[in-house]
Amino acid sequence: MPLKPDLATRPQAEDRGSPAAGRNLLFLREEELRLAQDLLFFGYRDFTAGADAILAGLDMGRAHHRVLHFVGRRPGITVGDLLGILGITKQSLGRVLTPLVEDGFVTQSPGRSDRRQRLLTLTEKGAALERSLFERQRDTVMRAYREAGPQAVEGFRRVMRGLMGPEARAALDRLEAGSPEPPR
């Protein structure tokens, strides 16, 4: 199948470090963009494989992992804030959170100022599971970072942030700063 023609000339090797080179990336060929998609799909598959194996042994999946991850990152997070981060419905969260609470991985407690709030925290059992999932994926990321080098790591961060919408970037900024979610 023929590729669509470039909309602009591709940067020459000597131009790739110039500011104009970044603008020319907007005109990548379709095949290059499809390769980027392939890289994302395969990278995500292999990044999650080790954690998936651990979770499968506990009759859990990636949704459980996401809850464990973000509750572990923000002990005492409200259900509302977690819903905002995950971008899912209360019903979807309930299907994942209920067994995590019932099986002793997560605790819920009422809010300090608003008793209607539910604050989520990992139990020791939940923290141990989250730690084991993190360590499995940490090894994969560390290997990739070592192979790619520091400049590639910075480029990766920029690309991943570029893939996020404004709300996700704002949530990530708050997580990195350790600040609470904005009021609703």
N, C-alpha and C. Protein backbone atom coordinates (compact mmCIF):
# COMPACT_ATOMS: atom_id res chain seq x y z
N MET A 1 0.85 -1.17 0.00
CA MET A 1 0.00 0.00 0.00
C MET A 1 0.90 1.24 0.00
N PRO A 2 0.69 2.17 -0.92
CA PRO A 2 1.57 3.35 -0.98
C PRO A 2 1.28 4.28 0.20
N LEU A 3 2.35 4.94 0.64
CA LEU A 3 2.21 5.91 1.72
C LEU A 3 1.74 7.23 1.17
N LYS A 4 1.05 7.98 2.00
CA LYS A 4 0.66 9.33 1.59
C LYS A 4 1.93 10.17 1.47
N PRO A 5 1.98 11.06 0.53
CA PRO A 5 3.20 11.87 0.38
C PRO A 5 3.38 12.79 1.58
N ASP A 6 4.65 13.10 1.86
CA ASP A 6 4.95 14.06 2.92
C ASP A 6 4.31 15.40 2.59
N LEU A 7 3.86 16.10 3.62
CA LEU A 7 3.29 17.43 3.42
C LEU A 7 4.37 18.50 3.41
N ALA A 8 5.54 18.14 3.88
CA ALA A 8 6.68 19.06 3.89
C ALA A 8 7.94 18.21 3.77
N THR A 9 9.02 18.85 3.48
CA THR A 9 10.25 18.09 3.38
C THR A 9 10.64 17.62 4.77
N ARG A 10 11.24 16.47 4.81
CA ARG A 10 11.69 15.93 6.08
C ARG A 10 12.99 16.60 6.45
N PRO A 11 13.28 16.78 7.75
CA PRO A 11 14.52 17.43 8.13
C PRO A 11 15.74 16.63 7.70
N GLN A 12 16.73 17.31 7.23
CA GLN A 12 17.99 16.67 6.88
C GLN A 12 18.74 16.38 8.17
N ALA A 13 19.72 15.49 8.11
CA ALA A 13 20.46 15.10 9.30
C ALA A 13 21.03 16.31 10.03
N GLU A 14 21.57 17.29 9.27
CA GLU A 14 22.18 18.43 9.93
C GLU A 14 21.14 19.37 10.53
N ASP A 15 19.87 19.25 10.10
CA ASP A 15 18.82 20.13 10.62
C ASP A 15 18.13 19.57 11.86
N ARG A 16 18.35 18.32 12.20
CA ARG A 16 17.56 17.69 13.26
C ARG A 16 17.75 18.35 14.62
N GLY A 17 18.83 19.01 14.86
CA GLY A 17 19.03 19.67 16.15
C GLY A 17 18.49 21.08 16.18
N SER A 18 18.02 21.60 15.07
CA SER A 18 17.55 22.98 15.01
C SER A 18 16.10 23.09 15.46
N PRO A 19 15.67 24.28 15.90
CA PRO A 19 14.27 24.47 16.31
C PRO A 19 13.29 24.13 15.18
N ALA A 20 13.67 24.38 13.95
CA ALA A 20 12.77 24.08 12.83
C ALA A 20 12.56 22.59 12.68
N ALA A 21 13.53 21.77 13.12
CA ALA A 21 13.40 20.32 12.99
C ALA A 21 12.19 19.82 13.77
N GLY A 22 11.94 20.37 14.95
CA GLY A 22 10.78 19.98 15.74
C GLY A 22 9.48 20.27 15.01
N ARG A 23 9.42 21.40 14.32
CA ARG A 23 8.21 21.74 13.56
C ARG A 23 8.02 20.78 12.39
N ASN A 24 9.11 20.32 11.78
CA ASN A 24 9.00 19.39 10.66
C ASN A 24 8.49 18.02 11.09
N LEU A 25 8.61 17.70 12.38
CA LEU A 25 8.10 16.42 12.86
C LEU A 25 6.58 16.34 12.71
N LEU A 26 5.93 17.47 12.56
CA LEU A 26 4.49 17.47 12.36
C LEU A 26 4.12 16.79 11.06
N PHE A 27 5.06 16.64 10.17
CA PHE A 27 4.79 16.12 8.84
C PHE A 27 5.40 14.75 8.63
N LEU A 28 5.43 13.94 9.68
CA LEU A 28 5.95 12.59 9.54
C LEU A 28 5.07 11.78 8.59
N ARG A 29 5.68 10.87 7.92
CA ARG A 29 4.92 9.99 7.03
C ARG A 29 4.01 9.08 7.84
N GLU A 30 2.95 8.64 7.21
CA GLU A 30 1.99 7.75 7.88
C GLU A 30 2.69 6.51 8.44
N GLU A 31 3.62 5.94 7.67
CA GLU A 31 4.30 4.73 8.13
C GLU A 31 5.08 4.98 9.42
N GLU A 32 5.70 6.15 9.55
CA GLU A 32 6.42 6.48 10.78
C GLU A 32 5.47 6.60 11.97
N LEU A 33 4.29 7.16 11.73
CA LEU A 33 3.30 7.27 12.80
C LEU A 33 2.73 5.91 13.18
N ARG A 34 2.55 5.05 12.19
CA ARG A 34 2.09 3.69 12.49
C ARG A 34 3.15 2.92 13.27
N LEU A 35 4.43 3.16 12.96
CA LEU A 35 5.50 2.54 13.73
C LEU A 35 5.46 3.02 15.18
N ALA A 36 5.20 4.31 15.38
CA ALA A 36 5.08 4.84 16.74
C ALA A 36 3.95 4.12 17.48
N GLN A 37 2.84 3.90 16.79
CA GLN A 37 1.73 3.15 17.40
C GLN A 37 2.17 1.73 17.75
N ASP A 38 2.87 1.08 16.83
CA ASP A 38 3.37 -0.27 17.10
C ASP A 38 4.24 -0.27 18.36
N LEU A 39 5.15 0.71 18.44
CA LEU A 39 6.04 0.80 19.60
C LEU A 39 5.24 0.96 20.90
N LEU A 40 4.21 1.80 20.86
CA LEU A 40 3.38 1.99 22.06
C LEU A 40 2.65 0.69 22.43
N PHE A 41 2.05 0.04 21.44
CA PHE A 41 1.33 -1.20 21.73
C PHE A 41 2.25 -2.28 22.28
N PHE A 42 3.37 -2.53 21.58
CA PHE A 42 4.29 -3.58 22.02
C PHE A 42 4.97 -3.22 23.35
N GLY A 43 5.37 -1.96 23.48
CA GLY A 43 6.00 -1.53 24.73
C GLY A 43 5.05 -1.70 25.91
N TYR A 44 3.80 -1.29 25.74
CA TYR A 44 2.82 -1.41 26.83
C TYR A 44 2.56 -2.89 27.15
N ARG A 45 2.43 -3.70 26.12
CA ARG A 45 2.20 -5.14 26.33
C ARG A 45 3.32 -5.74 27.18
N ASP A 46 4.56 -5.47 26.81
CA ASP A 46 5.68 -6.06 27.52
C ASP A 46 5.91 -5.40 28.87
N PHE A 47 5.62 -4.11 28.99
CA PHE A 47 5.74 -3.41 30.27
C PHE A 47 4.76 -3.99 31.29
N THR A 48 3.56 -4.34 30.85
CA THR A 48 2.53 -4.82 31.78
C THR A 48 2.57 -6.33 31.99
N ALA A 49 3.31 -7.07 31.17
CA ALA A 49 3.28 -8.54 31.23
C ALA A 49 3.65 -9.09 32.60
N GLY A 50 4.72 -8.61 33.19
CA GLY A 50 5.15 -9.13 34.49
C GLY A 50 4.14 -8.86 35.58
N ALA A 51 3.62 -7.64 35.61
CA ALA A 51 2.60 -7.29 36.61
C ALA A 51 1.32 -8.07 36.35
N ASP A 52 0.96 -8.24 35.08
CA ASP A 52 -0.24 -9.00 34.74
C ASP A 52 -0.16 -10.43 35.28
N ALA A 53 1.01 -11.04 35.20
CA ALA A 53 1.19 -12.41 35.69
C ALA A 53 0.96 -12.48 37.20
N ILE A 54 1.49 -11.50 37.93
CA ILE A 54 1.29 -11.46 39.38
C ILE A 54 -0.20 -11.27 39.69
N LEU A 55 -0.83 -10.33 38.99
CA LEU A 55 -2.25 -10.04 39.23
C LEU A 55 -3.14 -11.22 38.88
N ALA A 56 -2.83 -11.92 37.78
CA ALA A 56 -3.64 -13.06 37.37
C ALA A 56 -3.66 -14.13 38.45
N GLY A 57 -2.55 -14.31 39.14
CA GLY A 57 -2.48 -15.28 40.24
C GLY A 57 -3.39 -14.92 41.41
N LEU A 58 -3.81 -13.65 41.46
CA LEU A 58 -4.70 -13.17 42.52
C LEU A 58 -6.11 -12.91 41.99
N ASP A 59 -6.37 -13.34 40.76
CA ASP A 59 -7.66 -13.11 40.10
C ASP A 59 -7.96 -11.61 39.98
N MET A 60 -6.92 -10.84 39.64
CA MET A 60 -7.05 -9.40 39.46
C MET A 60 -6.54 -9.03 38.07
N GLY A 61 -6.79 -7.78 37.69
CA GLY A 61 -6.34 -7.30 36.40
C GLY A 61 -5.75 -5.90 36.50
N ARG A 62 -5.60 -5.28 35.33
CA ARG A 62 -4.95 -3.97 35.26
C ARG A 62 -5.73 -2.87 35.96
N ALA A 63 -7.04 -2.97 35.99
CA ALA A 63 -7.83 -1.96 36.70
C ALA A 63 -7.50 -1.99 38.19
N HIS A 64 -7.32 -3.18 38.74
CA HIS A 64 -6.91 -3.29 40.15
C HIS A 64 -5.54 -2.67 40.35
N HIS A 65 -4.66 -2.92 39.38
CA HIS A 65 -3.31 -2.38 39.47
C HIS A 65 -3.34 -0.85 39.49
N ARG A 66 -4.15 -0.25 38.62
CA ARG A 66 -4.22 1.22 38.59
C ARG A 66 -4.71 1.77 39.93
N VAL A 67 -5.71 1.13 40.52
CA VAL A 67 -6.21 1.59 41.82
C VAL A 67 -5.11 1.46 42.87
N LEU A 68 -4.47 0.31 42.92
CA LEU A 68 -3.39 0.11 43.89
C LEU A 68 -2.28 1.15 43.69
N HIS A 69 -1.94 1.41 42.45
CA HIS A 69 -0.87 2.37 42.15
C HIS A 69 -1.22 3.75 42.68
N PHE A 70 -2.38 4.27 42.31
CA PHE A 70 -2.70 5.65 42.68
C PHE A 70 -3.07 5.80 44.16
N VAL A 71 -3.66 4.79 44.77
CA VAL A 71 -3.90 4.85 46.22
C VAL A 71 -2.55 4.78 46.94
N GLY A 72 -1.63 3.98 46.42
CA GLY A 72 -0.29 3.92 47.01
C GLY A 72 0.48 5.22 46.86
N ARG A 73 0.30 5.90 45.74
CA ARG A 73 0.97 7.18 45.50
C ARG A 73 0.39 8.30 46.35
N ARG A 74 -0.90 8.20 46.68
CA ARG A 74 -1.59 9.26 47.42
C ARG A 74 -2.41 8.65 48.56
N PRO A 75 -1.75 8.15 49.63
CA PRO A 75 -2.52 7.59 50.75
C PRO A 75 -3.53 8.61 51.27
N GLY A 76 -4.75 8.16 51.52
CA GLY A 76 -5.80 9.06 51.98
C GLY A 76 -6.54 9.76 50.85
N ILE A 77 -6.31 9.34 49.61
CA ILE A 77 -6.97 9.94 48.47
C ILE A 77 -8.48 9.70 48.58
N THR A 78 -9.26 10.68 48.18
CA THR A 78 -10.70 10.49 48.21
C THR A 78 -11.13 9.68 46.99
N VAL A 79 -12.29 9.04 47.14
CA VAL A 79 -12.84 8.30 46.01
C VAL A 79 -13.06 9.24 44.83
N GLY A 80 -13.54 10.45 45.10
CA GLY A 80 -13.77 11.44 44.04
C GLY A 80 -12.50 11.80 43.30
N ASP A 81 -11.42 12.00 44.04
CA ASP A 81 -10.15 12.33 43.39
C ASP A 81 -9.63 11.15 42.57
N LEU A 82 -9.80 9.94 43.10
CA LEU A 82 -9.37 8.75 42.35
C LEU A 82 -10.18 8.60 41.07
N LEU A 83 -11.47 8.87 41.14
CA LEU A 83 -12.31 8.83 39.94
C LEU A 83 -11.80 9.81 38.90
N GLY A 84 -11.41 11.00 39.35
CA GLY A 84 -10.89 12.01 38.43
C GLY A 84 -9.59 11.58 37.77
N ILE A 85 -8.71 10.99 38.54
CA ILE A 85 -7.42 10.54 38.00
C ILE A 85 -7.63 9.41 36.99
N LEU A 86 -8.47 8.46 37.34
CA LEU A 86 -8.68 7.29 36.49
C LEU A 86 -9.60 7.57 35.30
N GLY A 87 -10.43 8.60 35.44
CA GLY A 87 -11.34 8.95 34.36
C GLY A 87 -12.38 7.87 34.11
N ILE A 88 -12.89 7.28 35.19
CA ILE A 88 -13.90 6.22 35.07
C ILE A 88 -15.13 6.58 35.89
N THR A 89 -16.18 5.78 35.77
CA THR A 89 -17.42 6.03 36.51
C THR A 89 -17.33 5.42 37.91
N LYS A 90 -18.23 5.86 38.79
CA LYS A 90 -18.30 5.28 40.13
C LYS A 90 -18.58 3.78 40.06
N GLN A 91 -19.46 3.41 39.14
CA GLN A 91 -19.82 2.00 38.99
C GLN A 91 -18.59 1.17 38.60
N SER A 92 -17.79 1.66 37.67
CA SER A 92 -16.58 0.94 37.26
C SER A 92 -15.60 0.84 38.41
N LEU A 93 -15.42 1.93 39.13
CA LEU A 93 -14.51 1.90 40.28
C LEU A 93 -15.02 0.93 41.33
N GLY A 94 -16.33 0.93 41.57
CA GLY A 94 -16.90 0.03 42.57
C GLY A 94 -16.61 -1.43 42.27
N ARG A 95 -16.66 -1.82 40.99
CA ARG A 95 -16.39 -3.22 40.62
C ARG A 95 -14.95 -3.62 40.96
N VAL A 96 -14.06 -2.66 40.97
CA VAL A 96 -12.65 -2.94 41.27
C VAL A 96 -12.35 -2.71 42.74
N LEU A 97 -12.86 -1.63 43.29
CA LEU A 97 -12.53 -1.26 44.66
C LEU A 97 -13.16 -2.20 45.70
N THR A 98 -14.39 -2.62 45.47
CA THR A 98 -15.07 -3.47 46.44
C THR A 98 -14.27 -4.72 46.76
N PRO A 99 -13.82 -5.50 45.77
CA PRO A 99 -13.01 -6.68 46.13
C PRO A 99 -11.66 -6.32 46.77
N LEU A 100 -11.08 -5.19 46.38
CA LEU A 100 -9.81 -4.79 47.01
C LEU A 100 -10.01 -4.51 48.50
N VAL A 101 -11.14 -3.91 48.84
CA VAL A 101 -11.46 -3.65 50.25
C VAL A 101 -11.80 -4.96 50.95
N GLU A 102 -12.68 -5.76 50.34
CA GLU A 102 -13.10 -7.03 50.96
C GLU A 102 -11.94 -7.99 51.16
N ASP A 103 -10.98 -7.99 50.26
CA ASP A 103 -9.83 -8.90 50.37
C ASP A 103 -8.68 -8.32 51.19
N GLY A 104 -8.89 -7.13 51.76
CA GLY A 104 -7.90 -6.57 52.69
C GLY A 104 -6.71 -5.88 52.05
N PHE A 105 -6.85 -5.37 50.82
CA PHE A 105 -5.76 -4.64 50.17
C PHE A 105 -5.88 -3.13 50.37
N VAL A 106 -7.10 -2.64 50.53
CA VAL A 106 -7.38 -1.21 50.67
C VAL A 106 -8.35 -1.01 51.82
N THR A 107 -8.15 0.07 52.58
CA THR A 107 -9.11 0.44 53.62
C THR A 107 -9.80 1.73 53.20
N GLN A 108 -11.03 1.88 53.68
CA GLN A 108 -11.80 3.11 53.47
C GLN A 108 -12.11 3.69 54.84
N SER A 109 -11.97 4.99 54.94
CA SER A 109 -12.35 5.65 56.19
C SER A 109 -13.06 6.94 55.83
N PRO A 110 -13.91 7.44 56.74
CA PRO A 110 -14.63 8.68 56.44
C PRO A 110 -13.67 9.88 56.45
N GLY A 111 -14.03 10.90 55.68
CA GLY A 111 -13.22 12.12 55.63
C GLY A 111 -13.20 12.81 56.98
N ARG A 112 -12.17 13.59 57.23
CA ARG A 112 -12.03 14.29 58.51
C ARG A 112 -13.03 15.45 58.63
N SER A 113 -13.13 16.24 57.59
CA SER A 113 -14.03 17.40 57.64
C SER A 113 -15.39 17.09 57.02
N ASP A 114 -15.43 16.17 56.08
CA ASP A 114 -16.68 15.79 55.42
C ASP A 114 -16.82 14.29 55.55
N ARG A 115 -17.66 13.85 56.47
CA ARG A 115 -17.81 12.43 56.78
C ARG A 115 -18.37 11.63 55.59
N ARG A 116 -18.93 12.31 54.60
CA ARG A 116 -19.44 11.62 53.41
C ARG A 116 -18.30 11.16 52.51
N GLN A 117 -17.17 11.83 52.61
CA GLN A 117 -16.02 11.42 51.79
C GLN A 117 -15.51 10.06 52.24
N ARG A 118 -14.97 9.31 51.30
CA ARG A 118 -14.31 8.05 51.64
C ARG A 118 -12.84 8.20 51.27
N LEU A 119 -11.99 8.07 52.27
CA LEU A 119 -10.54 8.18 52.08
C LEU A 119 -9.97 6.77 51.93
N LEU A 120 -9.14 6.60 50.92
CA LEU A 120 -8.60 5.28 50.60
C LEU A 120 -7.12 5.21 50.94
N THR A 121 -6.72 4.09 51.56
CA THR A 121 -5.33 3.85 51.92
C THR A 121 -5.03 2.37 51.72
N LEU A 122 -3.81 2.08 51.31
CA LEU A 122 -3.41 0.68 51.19
C LEU A 122 -3.18 0.10 52.58
N THR A 123 -3.56 -1.15 52.77
CA THR A 123 -3.20 -1.88 53.98
C THR A 123 -1.75 -2.37 53.80
N GLU A 124 -1.21 -3.02 54.82
CA GLU A 124 0.13 -3.62 54.66
C GLU A 124 0.13 -4.62 53.51
N LYS A 125 -0.92 -5.41 53.43
CA LYS A 125 -1.05 -6.40 52.36
C LYS A 125 -1.13 -5.71 50.99
N GLY A 126 -1.88 -4.64 50.92
CA GLY A 126 -2.01 -3.89 49.67
C GLY A 126 -0.70 -3.21 49.29
N ALA A 127 -0.01 -2.65 50.29
CA ALA A 127 1.28 -1.99 50.02
C ALA A 127 2.31 -3.01 49.54
N ALA A 128 2.28 -4.22 50.11
CA ALA A 128 3.22 -5.26 49.68
C ALA A 128 2.95 -5.67 48.23
N LEU A 129 1.67 -5.81 47.87
CA LEU A 129 1.33 -6.16 46.50
C LEU A 129 1.71 -5.04 45.54
N GLU A 130 1.37 -3.81 45.90
CA GLU A 130 1.71 -2.67 45.03
C GLU A 130 3.22 -2.60 44.85
N ARG A 131 3.96 -2.84 45.92
CA ARG A 131 5.43 -2.78 45.85
C ARG A 131 5.96 -3.87 44.90
N SER A 132 5.41 -5.06 44.99
CA SER A 132 5.89 -6.13 44.12
C SER A 132 5.56 -5.84 42.65
N LEU A 133 4.39 -5.25 42.38
CA LEU A 133 4.04 -4.87 41.02
C LEU A 133 4.98 -3.77 40.52
N PHE A 134 5.24 -2.78 41.39
CA PHE A 134 6.14 -1.69 41.03
C PHE A 134 7.54 -2.22 40.72
N GLU A 135 8.05 -3.09 41.58
CA GLU A 135 9.41 -3.59 41.38
C GLU A 135 9.54 -4.36 40.07
N ARG A 136 8.50 -5.10 39.72
CA ARG A 136 8.53 -5.84 38.46
C ARG A 136 8.62 -4.87 37.28
N GLN A 137 7.84 -3.82 37.32
CA GLN A 137 7.85 -2.85 36.23
C GLN A 137 9.05 -1.91 36.31
N ARG A 138 9.50 -1.62 37.51
CA ARG A 138 10.68 -0.77 37.68
C ARG A 138 11.88 -1.37 36.96
N ASP A 139 12.06 -2.67 37.09
CA ASP A 139 13.19 -3.33 36.44
C ASP A 139 13.13 -3.16 34.92
N THR A 140 11.92 -3.26 34.36
CA THR A 140 11.74 -3.10 32.92
C THR A 140 12.08 -1.67 32.49
N VAL A 141 11.59 -0.69 33.24
CA VAL A 141 11.83 0.71 32.90
C VAL A 141 13.32 1.06 33.08
N MET A 142 13.91 0.57 34.16
CA MET A 142 15.34 0.87 34.40
C MET A 142 16.20 0.32 33.26
N ARG A 143 15.90 -0.90 32.82
CA ARG A 143 16.66 -1.49 31.71
C ARG A 143 16.51 -0.64 30.45
N ALA A 144 15.29 -0.25 30.16
CA ALA A 144 15.05 0.57 28.96
C ALA A 144 15.73 1.93 29.08
N TYR A 145 15.67 2.55 30.24
CA TYR A 145 16.32 3.85 30.44
C TYR A 145 17.83 3.73 30.28
N ARG A 146 18.40 2.67 30.85
CA ARG A 146 19.86 2.48 30.72
C ARG A 146 20.26 2.31 29.26
N GLU A 147 19.49 1.52 28.52
CA GLU A 147 19.80 1.29 27.11
C GLU A 147 19.64 2.55 26.28
N ALA A 148 18.66 3.39 26.61
CA ALA A 148 18.35 4.58 25.80
C ALA A 148 19.25 5.76 26.13
N GLY A 149 19.62 5.92 27.39
CA GLY A 149 20.44 7.06 27.79
C GLY A 149 19.60 8.25 28.22
N PRO A 150 20.24 9.20 28.93
CA PRO A 150 19.52 10.31 29.56
C PRO A 150 18.76 11.22 28.59
N GLN A 151 19.33 11.49 27.43
CA GLN A 151 18.62 12.36 26.48
C GLN A 151 17.35 11.69 25.98
N ALA A 152 17.42 10.41 25.74
CA ALA A 152 16.24 9.68 25.28
C ALA A 152 15.17 9.64 26.37
N VAL A 153 15.60 9.52 27.62
CA VAL A 153 14.64 9.50 28.73
C VAL A 153 13.88 10.82 28.77
N GLU A 154 14.58 11.92 28.64
CA GLU A 154 13.91 13.22 28.62
C GLU A 154 12.97 13.33 27.42
N GLY A 155 13.41 12.85 26.27
CA GLY A 155 12.55 12.86 25.10
C GLY A 155 11.31 12.00 25.30
N PHE A 156 11.48 10.85 25.93
CA PHE A 156 10.35 9.96 26.23
C PHE A 156 9.34 10.67 27.12
N ARG A 157 9.83 11.34 28.15
CA ARG A 157 8.92 12.07 29.05
C ARG A 157 8.13 13.13 28.28
N ARG A 158 8.81 13.82 27.41
CA ARG A 158 8.13 14.86 26.62
C ARG A 158 7.08 14.25 25.69
N VAL A 159 7.41 13.15 25.06
CA VAL A 159 6.45 12.49 24.17
C VAL A 159 5.25 12.00 24.97
N MET A 160 5.49 11.35 26.11
CA MET A 160 4.37 10.84 26.91
C MET A 160 3.48 11.98 27.41
N ARG A 161 4.08 13.07 27.84
CA ARG A 161 3.27 14.23 28.26
C ARG A 161 2.50 14.79 27.07
N GLY A 162 3.12 14.76 25.90
CA GLY A 162 2.45 15.24 24.70
C GLY A 162 1.26 14.38 24.30
N LEU A 163 1.29 13.11 24.65
CA LEU A 163 0.17 12.22 24.37
C LEU A 163 -1.02 12.46 25.30
N MET A 164 -0.74 13.07 26.45
CA MET A 164 -1.80 13.30 27.44
C MET A 164 -2.61 14.55 27.10
N GLY A 165 -3.86 14.50 27.46
CA GLY A 165 -4.70 15.69 27.35
C GLY A 165 -4.39 16.64 28.49
N PRO A 166 -4.94 17.84 28.44
CA PRO A 166 -4.64 18.85 29.47
C PRO A 166 -5.01 18.40 30.89
N GLU A 167 -6.12 17.69 31.04
CA GLU A 167 -6.52 17.25 32.39
C GLU A 167 -5.53 16.23 32.95
N ALA A 168 -5.08 15.31 32.12
CA ALA A 168 -4.11 14.31 32.58
C ALA A 168 -2.78 14.97 32.92
N ARG A 169 -2.35 15.93 32.11
CA ARG A 169 -1.10 16.64 32.42
C ARG A 169 -1.22 17.38 33.74
N ALA A 170 -2.36 18.02 33.96
CA ALA A 170 -2.57 18.75 35.22
C ALA A 170 -2.57 17.79 36.41
N ALA A 171 -3.22 16.63 36.25
CA ALA A 171 -3.23 15.63 37.33
C ALA A 171 -1.81 15.13 37.60
N LEU A 172 -1.03 14.90 36.55
CA LEU A 172 0.35 14.45 36.72
C LEU A 172 1.17 15.53 37.42
N ASP A 173 0.99 16.78 37.03
CA ASP A 173 1.71 17.87 37.69
C ASP A 173 1.40 17.90 39.18
N ARG A 174 0.12 17.69 39.53
CA ARG A 174 -0.26 17.68 40.95
C ARG A 174 0.37 16.50 41.67
N LEU A 175 0.39 15.33 41.01
CA LEU A 175 1.02 14.16 41.63
C LEU A 175 2.51 14.39 41.85
N GLU A 176 3.17 14.97 40.84
CA GLU A 176 4.61 15.23 40.97
C GLU A 176 4.90 16.23 42.06
N ALA A 177 4.00 17.22 42.23
CA ALA A 177 4.20 18.24 43.25
C ALA A 177 3.73 17.77 44.63
N GLY A 178 2.98 16.64 44.66
CA GLY A 178 2.47 16.14 45.93
C GLY A 178 1.33 16.98 46.46
N SER A 179 0.68 17.77 45.59
CA SER A 179 -0.40 18.62 46.06
C SER A 179 -1.75 17.94 45.82
N PRO A 180 -2.75 18.36 46.58
CA PRO A 180 -4.08 17.74 46.47
C PRO A 180 -4.75 18.09 45.15
N GLU A 181 -5.78 17.33 44.86
CA GLU A 181 -6.60 17.61 43.68
C GLU A 181 -7.32 18.93 43.87
N PRO A 182 -7.66 19.61 42.77
CA PRO A 182 -8.40 20.87 42.92
C PRO A 182 -9.79 20.60 43.48
N PRO A 183 -10.38 21.58 44.18
CA PRO A 183 -11.72 21.36 44.73
C PRO A 183 -12.73 21.17 43.62
N ARG A 184 -13.77 20.39 43.90
CA ARG A 184 -14.82 20.12 42.92
C ARG A 184 -16.00 21.02 43.18
